[in-house]
Amino acid sequence: KDVSRASYNQVWLRSLCNQSYYLEEVGKNVTFEEGEKLHLYSGNGISHKYTIPQLENALASVKLRVLKKWDNGNSVLLLSTRENEL
């Protein structure tokens, strides 16, 4: 799901290491440079889950490079950009 057009004040992620919550501050709104997209991957059940390398390879196949990623063990948020725009 491409959530680039959504506006977020904060992104909450669960830390599975200490079973607590921590906050990744992304500013008042998430802003995007030209060509950047924010993708959210989430699934219930193993059949819907992808590893980070699988997601990176899938994006690379369409010439997208991951700039930043957040992973809480259940869902992954990826910020990507076009390879030729780096």
N, C-alpha and C. Protein backbone atom coordinates (compact mmCIF):
# COMPACT_ATOMS: atom_id res chain seq x y z
N LYS A 1 0.86 -1.18 0.00
CA LYS A 1 0.00 0.00 0.00
C LYS A 1 0.90 1.23 0.00
N ASP A 2 0.68 2.11 -0.97
CA ASP A 2 1.44 3.35 -1.04
C ASP A 2 0.73 4.38 -0.18
N VAL A 3 1.38 4.84 0.88
CA VAL A 3 0.75 5.80 1.78
C VAL A 3 1.42 7.17 1.67
N SER A 4 2.03 7.43 0.51
CA SER A 4 2.77 8.67 0.32
C SER A 4 1.91 9.91 0.51
N ARG A 5 0.64 9.83 0.13
CA ARG A 5 -0.21 11.01 0.19
C ARG A 5 -0.80 11.25 1.58
N ALA A 6 -0.60 10.29 2.46
CA ALA A 6 -1.13 10.44 3.82
C ALA A 6 -0.27 11.42 4.61
N SER A 7 -0.88 12.06 5.60
CA SER A 7 -0.16 13.01 6.46
C SER A 7 -0.08 12.42 7.87
N TYR A 8 1.13 12.31 8.40
CA TYR A 8 1.33 11.71 9.71
C TYR A 8 2.04 12.69 10.63
N ASN A 9 1.60 12.79 11.86
CA ASN A 9 2.33 13.58 12.85
C ASN A 9 3.47 12.77 13.44
N GLN A 10 3.23 11.47 13.68
CA GLN A 10 4.25 10.61 14.26
C GLN A 10 4.07 9.21 13.69
N VAL A 11 5.13 8.45 13.70
CA VAL A 11 5.06 7.04 13.35
C VAL A 11 5.43 6.23 14.59
N TRP A 12 4.47 5.46 15.09
CA TRP A 12 4.71 4.63 16.28
C TRP A 12 5.14 3.24 15.82
N LEU A 13 6.20 2.76 16.44
CA LEU A 13 6.68 1.42 16.11
C LEU A 13 6.86 0.62 17.39
N ARG A 14 6.58 -0.63 17.32
CA ARG A 14 6.76 -1.48 18.49
C ARG A 14 8.13 -2.13 18.46
N SER A 15 8.83 -2.03 19.56
CA SER A 15 10.12 -2.69 19.67
C SER A 15 9.90 -4.08 20.26
N LEU A 16 10.16 -5.09 19.45
CA LEU A 16 9.94 -6.46 19.93
C LEU A 16 11.02 -6.88 20.92
N CYS A 17 12.15 -6.17 20.91
CA CYS A 17 13.25 -6.55 21.80
C CYS A 17 12.88 -6.39 23.27
N ASN A 18 12.31 -5.24 23.61
CA ASN A 18 12.00 -5.01 25.02
C ASN A 18 10.50 -4.93 25.27
N GLN A 19 9.70 -5.30 24.25
CA GLN A 19 8.24 -5.31 24.39
C GLN A 19 7.70 -3.96 24.85
N SER A 20 8.32 -2.90 24.38
CA SER A 20 7.83 -1.57 24.71
C SER A 20 7.66 -0.78 23.41
N TYR A 21 7.14 0.41 23.53
CA TYR A 21 6.91 1.23 22.35
C TYR A 21 7.92 2.36 22.32
N TYR A 22 8.35 2.68 21.12
CA TYR A 22 9.21 3.85 20.99
C TYR A 22 8.70 4.67 19.82
N LEU A 23 9.06 5.92 19.81
CA LEU A 23 8.53 6.86 18.83
C LEU A 23 9.63 7.26 17.86
N GLU A 24 9.33 7.16 16.58
CA GLU A 24 10.23 7.68 15.56
C GLU A 24 9.64 9.00 15.12
N GLU A 25 10.30 10.08 15.44
CA GLU A 25 9.76 11.40 15.13
C GLU A 25 10.00 11.72 13.66
N VAL A 26 8.94 12.03 12.97
CA VAL A 26 9.07 12.34 11.54
C VAL A 26 8.58 13.75 11.24
N GLY A 27 8.43 14.56 12.27
CA GLY A 27 8.02 15.94 12.04
C GLY A 27 6.52 16.09 12.03
N LYS A 28 6.07 17.32 11.86
CA LYS A 28 4.64 17.59 11.88
C LYS A 28 3.92 16.84 10.77
N ASN A 29 4.54 16.83 9.61
CA ASN A 29 4.02 16.06 8.48
C ASN A 29 5.19 15.31 7.85
N VAL A 30 4.88 14.19 7.24
CA VAL A 30 5.90 13.50 6.46
C VAL A 30 6.01 14.25 5.14
N THR A 31 7.20 14.73 4.82
CA THR A 31 7.38 15.43 3.55
C THR A 31 8.24 14.58 2.63
N PHE A 32 8.00 14.70 1.36
CA PHE A 32 8.68 13.87 0.38
C PHE A 32 9.38 14.73 -0.65
N GLU A 33 10.58 14.35 -0.97
CA GLU A 33 11.28 14.97 -2.09
C GLU A 33 10.66 14.42 -3.38
N GLU A 34 10.99 15.03 -4.48
CA GLU A 34 10.48 14.58 -5.78
C GLU A 34 10.83 13.11 -5.99
N GLY A 35 9.84 12.30 -6.29
CA GLY A 35 10.09 10.90 -6.60
C GLY A 35 10.09 9.96 -5.41
N GLU A 36 9.98 10.48 -4.19
CA GLU A 36 9.98 9.60 -3.02
C GLU A 36 8.58 9.07 -2.73
N LYS A 37 8.52 7.86 -2.27
CA LYS A 37 7.25 7.25 -1.91
C LYS A 37 7.41 6.53 -0.58
N LEU A 38 6.31 6.46 0.15
CA LEU A 38 6.28 5.74 1.42
C LEU A 38 5.37 4.53 1.24
N HIS A 39 5.89 3.34 1.50
CA HIS A 39 5.13 2.11 1.31
C HIS A 39 4.93 1.42 2.66
N LEU A 40 3.73 0.92 2.90
CA LEU A 40 3.43 0.18 4.12
C LEU A 40 3.10 -1.26 3.74
N TYR A 41 3.82 -2.20 4.33
CA TYR A 41 3.58 -3.62 4.09
C TYR A 41 3.13 -4.26 5.40
N SER A 42 1.98 -4.90 5.37
CA SER A 42 1.46 -5.52 6.58
C SER A 42 0.72 -6.78 6.20
N GLY A 43 0.77 -7.77 7.06
CA GLY A 43 0.03 -8.99 6.76
C GLY A 43 -0.25 -9.79 8.00
N ASN A 44 -1.37 -10.51 7.99
CA ASN A 44 -1.65 -11.45 9.07
C ASN A 44 -1.54 -12.84 8.47
N GLY A 45 -0.65 -13.60 9.04
CA GLY A 45 -0.41 -14.93 8.49
C GLY A 45 0.88 -14.94 7.69
N ILE A 46 1.58 -16.05 7.77
CA ILE A 46 2.90 -16.15 7.15
C ILE A 46 2.83 -15.98 5.64
N SER A 47 1.71 -16.34 5.02
CA SER A 47 1.61 -16.26 3.57
C SER A 47 1.63 -14.83 3.08
N HIS A 48 1.36 -13.87 3.97
CA HIS A 48 1.32 -12.47 3.57
C HIS A 48 2.60 -11.73 3.94
N LYS A 49 3.56 -12.44 4.53
CA LYS A 49 4.75 -11.76 5.03
C LYS A 49 5.90 -11.87 4.05
N TYR A 50 6.68 -10.81 4.00
CA TYR A 50 7.87 -10.78 3.17
C TYR A 50 9.05 -10.39 4.04
N THR A 51 10.22 -10.89 3.69
CA THR A 51 11.41 -10.46 4.41
C THR A 51 11.84 -9.10 3.86
N ILE A 52 12.65 -8.39 4.63
CA ILE A 52 13.15 -7.09 4.17
C ILE A 52 13.93 -7.24 2.85
N PRO A 53 14.82 -8.24 2.73
CA PRO A 53 15.51 -8.39 1.44
C PRO A 53 14.54 -8.65 0.28
N GLN A 54 13.47 -9.41 0.52
CA GLN A 54 12.49 -9.65 -0.53
C GLN A 54 11.82 -8.35 -0.95
N LEU A 55 11.47 -7.51 0.03
CA LEU A 55 10.85 -6.22 -0.29
C LEU A 55 11.82 -5.33 -1.04
N GLU A 56 13.08 -5.30 -0.58
CA GLU A 56 14.08 -4.47 -1.26
C GLU A 56 14.30 -4.95 -2.69
N ASN A 57 14.33 -6.26 -2.90
CA ASN A 57 14.50 -6.80 -4.24
C ASN A 57 13.31 -6.49 -5.13
N ALA A 58 12.11 -6.56 -4.54
CA ALA A 58 10.90 -6.24 -5.31
C ALA A 58 10.92 -4.79 -5.76
N LEU A 59 11.31 -3.89 -4.86
CA LEU A 59 11.37 -2.48 -5.22
C LEU A 59 12.50 -2.23 -6.22
N ALA A 60 13.63 -2.90 -6.03
CA ALA A 60 14.76 -2.73 -6.95
C ALA A 60 14.38 -3.16 -8.36
N SER A 61 13.51 -4.16 -8.47
CA SER A 61 13.11 -4.64 -9.79
C SER A 61 12.34 -3.59 -10.58
N VAL A 62 11.77 -2.62 -9.88
CA VAL A 62 11.08 -1.51 -10.56
C VAL A 62 11.86 -0.21 -10.35
N LYS A 63 13.18 -0.36 -10.14
CA LYS A 63 14.10 0.79 -10.06
C LYS A 63 13.82 1.72 -8.88
N LEU A 64 13.41 1.15 -7.75
CA LEU A 64 13.23 1.94 -6.54
C LEU A 64 14.27 1.50 -5.51
N ARG A 65 14.86 2.46 -4.82
CA ARG A 65 15.82 2.14 -3.77
C ARG A 65 15.26 2.58 -2.42
N VAL A 66 15.41 1.71 -1.42
CA VAL A 66 14.93 2.02 -0.07
C VAL A 66 15.88 3.02 0.58
N LEU A 67 15.32 4.13 1.08
CA LEU A 67 16.11 5.15 1.77
C LEU A 67 16.07 4.95 3.28
N LYS A 68 14.92 4.56 3.80
CA LYS A 68 14.77 4.37 5.24
C LYS A 68 13.69 3.33 5.47
N LYS A 69 13.84 2.55 6.53
CA LYS A 69 12.83 1.53 6.82
C LYS A 69 12.56 1.45 8.31
N TRP A 70 11.32 1.16 8.61
CA TRP A 70 10.88 0.94 9.99
C TRP A 70 10.22 -0.43 10.00
N ASP A 71 10.61 -1.28 10.94
CA ASP A 71 10.08 -2.64 11.00
C ASP A 71 9.71 -2.95 12.44
N ASN A 72 8.44 -3.29 12.68
CA ASN A 72 8.03 -3.62 14.04
C ASN A 72 7.74 -5.10 14.20
N GLY A 73 8.14 -5.90 13.22
CA GLY A 73 7.93 -7.33 13.31
C GLY A 73 6.64 -7.79 12.68
N ASN A 74 5.67 -6.90 12.57
CA ASN A 74 4.39 -7.24 11.95
C ASN A 74 4.15 -6.49 10.66
N SER A 75 4.67 -5.30 10.59
CA SER A 75 4.54 -4.51 9.37
C SER A 75 5.81 -3.71 9.15
N VAL A 76 5.99 -3.31 7.92
CA VAL A 76 7.20 -2.60 7.53
C VAL A 76 6.81 -1.34 6.78
N LEU A 77 7.45 -0.24 7.14
CA LEU A 77 7.24 1.03 6.45
C LEU A 77 8.54 1.36 5.73
N LEU A 78 8.47 1.57 4.42
CA LEU A 78 9.66 1.83 3.62
C LEU A 78 9.54 3.17 2.91
N LEU A 79 10.60 3.97 2.98
CA LEU A 79 10.69 5.20 2.19
C LEU A 79 11.62 4.90 1.03
N SER A 80 11.14 5.11 -0.19
CA SER A 80 11.94 4.76 -1.36
C SER A 80 12.00 5.92 -2.34
N THR A 81 12.97 5.83 -3.24
CA THR A 81 13.09 6.82 -4.30
C THR A 81 13.54 6.12 -5.58
N ARG A 82 13.34 6.77 -6.72
CA ARG A 82 13.79 6.22 -7.99
C ARG A 82 15.31 6.21 -8.03
N GLU A 83 15.87 5.14 -8.58
CA GLU A 83 17.33 5.01 -8.66
C GLU A 83 17.96 6.21 -9.36
N ASN A 84 17.35 6.68 -10.45
CA ASN A 84 17.96 7.74 -11.24
C ASN A 84 17.77 9.12 -10.63
N GLU A 85 17.12 9.19 -9.45
CA GLU A 85 16.91 10.48 -8.81
C GLU A 85 17.80 10.66 -7.59
N LEU A 86 18.73 9.74 -7.39
CA LEU A 86 19.65 9.84 -6.25
C LEU A 86 20.83 10.72 -6.62
